[in-house]
Amino acid sequence: MIKSNASAYSKVGVEAKVHGADAHRLIEIIFEEIIKKLTSAIYMIENSNYSSKGQLLGESITLIGSGLQSSLNLEQGGEISINLNSLYLYCVKLLTEANVENDSSKVAEVLNIISGLKQSWSEIK
């Protein structure tokens, strides 16, 4: 019951952030959510909670693919979009491996990449 209440509260918090946000802010929110999930996944791996780890990594992969990658315009975005797409594919590959191997160092590497991208994205506006 407590877990479902916390999940519902978190979902409402994300929905509140998204409501009225411009495209730039939406990408920033996706970065923030991925960072939270990856941080939690590292904790779950280190504490042998592999079920929750799998869920968090799956959600992170979905956010990277459906959120970040799908927002790229590979035709108009040029080299930057192509490089970001490659980086996102690399992150998904690492997270898939981390999930199978229970390797928190691979999750930490993706966390470092996403955190750097989020910081750069935040400085654009």
C-alpha atoms as a PDB file:
ATOM      1  CA  MET A   1       0.000   0.000   0.000  1.00  0.00           C
ATOM      2  CA  ILE A   2       2.753   2.449   0.922  1.00  0.00           C
ATOM      3  CA  LYS A   3       4.678   1.615  -2.274  1.00  0.00           C
ATOM      4  CA  SER A   4       1.617   2.202  -4.462  1.00  0.00           C
ATOM      5  CA  ASN A   5       0.879   5.487  -2.674  1.00  0.00           C
ATOM      6  CA  ALA A   6       4.454   6.640  -3.227  1.00  0.00           C
ATOM      7  CA  SER A   7       4.233   5.643  -6.878  1.00  0.00           C
ATOM      8  CA  ALA A   8       0.964   7.527  -7.315  1.00  0.00           C
ATOM      9  CA  TYR A   9       2.412  10.603  -5.604  1.00  0.00           C
ATOM     10  CA  SER A  10       5.481  10.476  -7.832  1.00  0.00           C
ATOM     11  CA  LYS A  11       3.322  10.152 -10.944  1.00  0.00           C
ATOM     12  CA  VAL A  12       1.237  13.176  -9.931  1.00  0.00           C
ATOM     13  CA  GLY A  13       4.441  15.129  -9.319  1.00  0.00           C
ATOM     14  CA  VAL A  14       5.733  14.325 -12.798  1.00  0.00           C
ATOM     15  CA  GLU A  15       2.377  15.148 -14.382  1.00  0.00           C
ATOM     16  CA  ALA A  16       2.331  18.491 -12.579  1.00  0.00           C
ATOM     17  CA  LYS A  17       5.801  19.328 -13.948  1.00  0.00           C
ATOM     18  CA  VAL A  18       4.789  18.347 -17.473  1.00  0.00           C
ATOM     19  CA  HIS A  19       1.574  20.359 -17.513  1.00  0.00           C
ATOM     20  CA  GLY A  20       2.272  23.634 -19.266  1.00  0.00           C
ATOM     21  CA  ALA A  21       5.951  22.873 -19.903  1.00  0.00           C
ATOM     22  CA  ASP A  22       7.509  23.901 -23.206  1.00  0.00           C
ATOM     23  CA  ALA A  23       9.433  21.436 -25.393  1.00  0.00           C
ATOM     24  CA  HIS A  24      12.770  22.384 -23.826  1.00  0.00           C
ATOM     25  CA  ARG A  25      11.471  21.813 -20.307  1.00  0.00           C
ATOM     26  CA  LEU A  26       9.902  18.471 -21.293  1.00  0.00           C
ATOM     27  CA  ILE A  27      13.293  17.139 -22.370  1.00  0.00           C
ATOM     28  CA  GLU A  28      14.776  18.429 -19.128  1.00  0.00           C
ATOM     29  CA  ILE A  29      12.081  16.557 -17.172  1.00  0.00           C
ATOM     30  CA  ILE A  30      12.907  13.360 -19.069  1.00  0.00           C
ATOM     31  CA  PHE A  31      16.575  13.767 -18.136  1.00  0.00           C
ATOM     32  CA  GLU A  32      15.602  14.314 -14.478  1.00  0.00           C
ATOM     33  CA  GLU A  33      13.417  11.204 -14.428  1.00  0.00           C
ATOM     34  CA  ILE A  34      16.126   9.054 -16.001  1.00  0.00           C
ATOM     35  CA  ILE A  35      18.653  10.313 -13.450  1.00  0.00           C
ATOM     36  CA  LYS A  36      16.310   9.441 -10.570  1.00  0.00           C
ATOM     37  CA  LYS A  37      15.638   5.978 -11.965  1.00  0.00           C
ATOM     38  CA  LEU A  38      19.301   5.215 -12.625  1.00  0.00           C
ATOM     39  CA  THR A  39      20.310   6.370  -9.153  1.00  0.00           C
ATOM     40  CA  SER A  40      17.653   4.097  -7.667  1.00  0.00           C
ATOM     41  CA  ALA A  41      18.717   1.199  -9.930  1.00  0.00           C
ATOM     42  CA  ILE A  42      22.295   1.433  -8.660  1.00  0.00           C
ATOM     43  CA  TYR A  43      20.978   1.247  -5.095  1.00  0.00           C
ATOM     44  CA  MET A  44      18.805  -1.761  -6.003  1.00  0.00           C
ATOM     45  CA  ILE A  45      21.737  -3.620  -7.573  1.00  0.00           C
ATOM     46  CA  GLU A  46      23.952  -2.925  -4.572  1.00  0.00           C
ATOM     47  CA  ASN A  47      21.191  -4.230  -2.273  1.00  0.00           C
ATOM     48  CA  SER A  48      20.323  -7.285  -4.413  1.00  0.00           C
ATOM     49  CA  ASN A  49      16.805  -6.080  -5.205  1.00  0.00           C
ATOM     50  CA  TYR A  50      16.932  -7.336  -8.765  1.00  0.00           C
ATOM     51  CA  SER A  51      13.217  -7.144  -9.466  1.00  0.00           C
ATOM     52  CA  SER A  52      13.068  -3.409  -8.775  1.00  0.00           C
ATOM     53  CA  LYS A  53      16.379  -2.938 -10.593  1.00  0.00           C
ATOM     54  CA  GLY A  54      14.904  -4.527 -13.696  1.00  0.00           C
ATOM     55  CA  GLN A  55      11.841  -2.321 -13.581  1.00  0.00           C
ATOM     56  CA  LEU A  56      13.873   0.869 -13.111  1.00  0.00           C
ATOM     57  CA  LEU A  57      16.283   0.022 -15.908  1.00  0.00           C
ATOM     58  CA  GLY A  58      13.397  -0.890 -18.209  1.00  0.00           C
ATOM     59  CA  GLU A  59      11.730   2.442 -17.488  1.00  0.00           C
ATOM     60  CA  SER A  60      15.023   4.249 -18.101  1.00  0.00           C
ATOM     61  CA  ILE A  61      15.475   2.494 -21.447  1.00  0.00           C
ATOM     62  CA  THR A  62      11.936   3.471 -22.424  1.00  0.00           C
ATOM     63  CA  LEU A  63      12.549   7.107 -21.476  1.00  0.00           C
ATOM     64  CA  ILE A  64      15.762   7.195 -23.472  1.00  0.00           C
ATOM     65  CA  GLY A  65      14.147   5.623 -26.535  1.00  0.00           C
ATOM     66  CA  SER A  66      10.642   7.058 -26.444  1.00  0.00           C
ATOM     67  CA  GLY A  67      11.584  10.365 -24.879  1.00  0.00           C
ATOM     68  CA  LEU A  68      15.056  11.410 -25.902  1.00  0.00           C
ATOM     69  CA  GLN A  69      15.700   9.502 -29.127  1.00  0.00           C
ATOM     70  CA  SER A  70      12.242  10.112 -30.535  1.00  0.00           C
ATOM     71  CA  SER A  71      12.673  13.861 -30.007  1.00  0.00           C
ATOM     72  CA  LEU A  72      15.666  13.963 -32.351  1.00  0.00           C
ATOM     73  CA  ASN A  73      15.240  15.224 -35.893  1.00  0.00           C
ATOM     74  CA  LEU A  74      17.985  13.317 -37.682  1.00  0.00           C
ATOM     75  CA  GLU A  75      17.325  15.066 -41.006  1.00  0.00           C
ATOM     76  CA  GLN A  76      17.414  18.654 -39.744  1.00  0.00           C
ATOM     77  CA  GLY A  77      19.530  18.191 -36.628  1.00  0.00           C
ATOM     78  CA  GLY A  78      22.676  17.352 -38.523  1.00  0.00           C
ATOM     79  CA  GLU A  79      25.739  15.926 -36.862  1.00  0.00           C
ATOM     80  CA  ILE A  80      24.557  16.810 -33.343  1.00  0.00           C
ATOM     81  CA  SER A  81      21.390  14.743 -33.710  1.00  0.00           C
ATOM     82  CA  ILE A  82      23.286  11.852 -35.257  1.00  0.00           C
ATOM     83  CA  ASN A  83      25.836  11.887 -32.425  1.00  0.00           C
ATOM     84  CA  LEU A  84      23.136  12.102 -29.759  1.00  0.00           C
ATOM     85  CA  ASN A  85      21.285   9.204 -31.370  1.00  0.00           C
ATOM     86  CA  SER A  86      24.471   7.109 -31.253  1.00  0.00           C
ATOM     87  CA  LEU A  87      25.029   8.084 -27.631  1.00  0.00           C
ATOM     88  CA  TYR A  88      21.453   7.122 -26.707  1.00  0.00           C
ATOM     89  CA  LEU A  89      21.887   3.761 -28.447  1.00  0.00           C
ATOM     90  CA  TYR A  90      25.095   3.224 -26.483  1.00  0.00           C
ATOM     91  CA  CYS A  91      23.278   4.048 -23.226  1.00  0.00           C
ATOM     92  CA  VAL A  92      20.504   1.566 -24.026  1.00  0.00           C
ATOM     93  CA  LYS A  93      23.123  -1.098 -24.814  1.00  0.00           C
ATOM     94  CA  LEU A  94      24.913  -0.473 -21.510  1.00  0.00           C
ATOM     95  CA  LEU A  95      21.672  -0.546 -19.518  1.00  0.00           C
ATOM     96  CA  THR A  96      20.614  -3.798 -21.169  1.00  0.00           C
ATOM     97  CA  GLU A  97      23.974  -5.334 -20.283  1.00  0.00           C
ATOM     98  CA  ALA A  98      23.774  -3.918 -16.757  1.00  0.00           C
ATOM     99  CA  ASN A  99      20.357  -5.480 -16.299  1.00  0.00           C
ATOM    100  CA  VAL A 100      21.548  -8.934 -17.393  1.00  0.00           C
ATOM    101  CA  GLU A 101      24.847  -8.744 -15.478  1.00  0.00           C
ATOM    102  CA  ASN A 102      23.620  -6.796 -12.409  1.00  0.00           C
ATOM    103  CA  ASP A 103      26.490  -4.397 -13.058  1.00  0.00           C
ATOM    104  CA  SER A 104      26.091  -1.103 -11.242  1.00  0.00           C
ATOM    105  CA  SER A 105      29.233   0.333 -12.892  1.00  0.00           C
ATOM    106  CA  LYS A 106      27.514   0.262 -16.291  1.00  0.00           C
ATOM    107  CA  VAL A 107      24.487   2.005 -14.815  1.00  0.00           C
ATOM    108  CA  ALA A 108      26.827   4.566 -13.251  1.00  0.00           C
ATOM    109  CA  GLU A 109      28.452   5.185 -16.634  1.00  0.00           C
ATOM    110  CA  VAL A 110      25.050   5.904 -18.199  1.00  0.00           C
ATOM    111  CA  LEU A 111      24.133   8.065 -15.208  1.00  0.00           C
ATOM    112  CA  ASN A 112      27.288  10.101 -15.805  1.00  0.00           C
ATOM    113  CA  ILE A 113      26.466  10.501 -19.516  1.00  0.00           C
ATOM    114  CA  ILE A 114      22.838  11.488 -18.907  1.00  0.00           C
ATOM    115  CA  SER A 115      23.807  13.879 -16.098  1.00  0.00           C
ATOM    116  CA  GLY A 116      26.284  15.622 -18.385  1.00  0.00           C
ATOM    117  CA  LEU A 117      23.721  15.891 -21.162  1.00  0.00           C
ATOM    118  CA  LYS A 118      21.137  17.245 -18.732  1.00  0.00           C
ATOM    119  CA  GLN A 119      23.555  19.893 -17.497  1.00  0.00           C
ATOM    120  CA  SER A 120      24.377  20.948 -21.051  1.00  0.00           C
ATOM    121  CA  TRP A 121      20.696  20.969 -21.993  1.00  0.00           C
ATOM    122  CA  SER A 122      19.834  23.128 -18.977  1.00  0.00           C
ATOM    123  CA  GLU A 123      22.516  25.657 -19.938  1.00  0.00           C
ATOM    124  CA  ILE A 124      21.112  26.075 -23.465  1.00  0.00           C
ATOM    125  CA  LYS A 125      18.026  28.002 -22.394  1.00  0.00           C
END
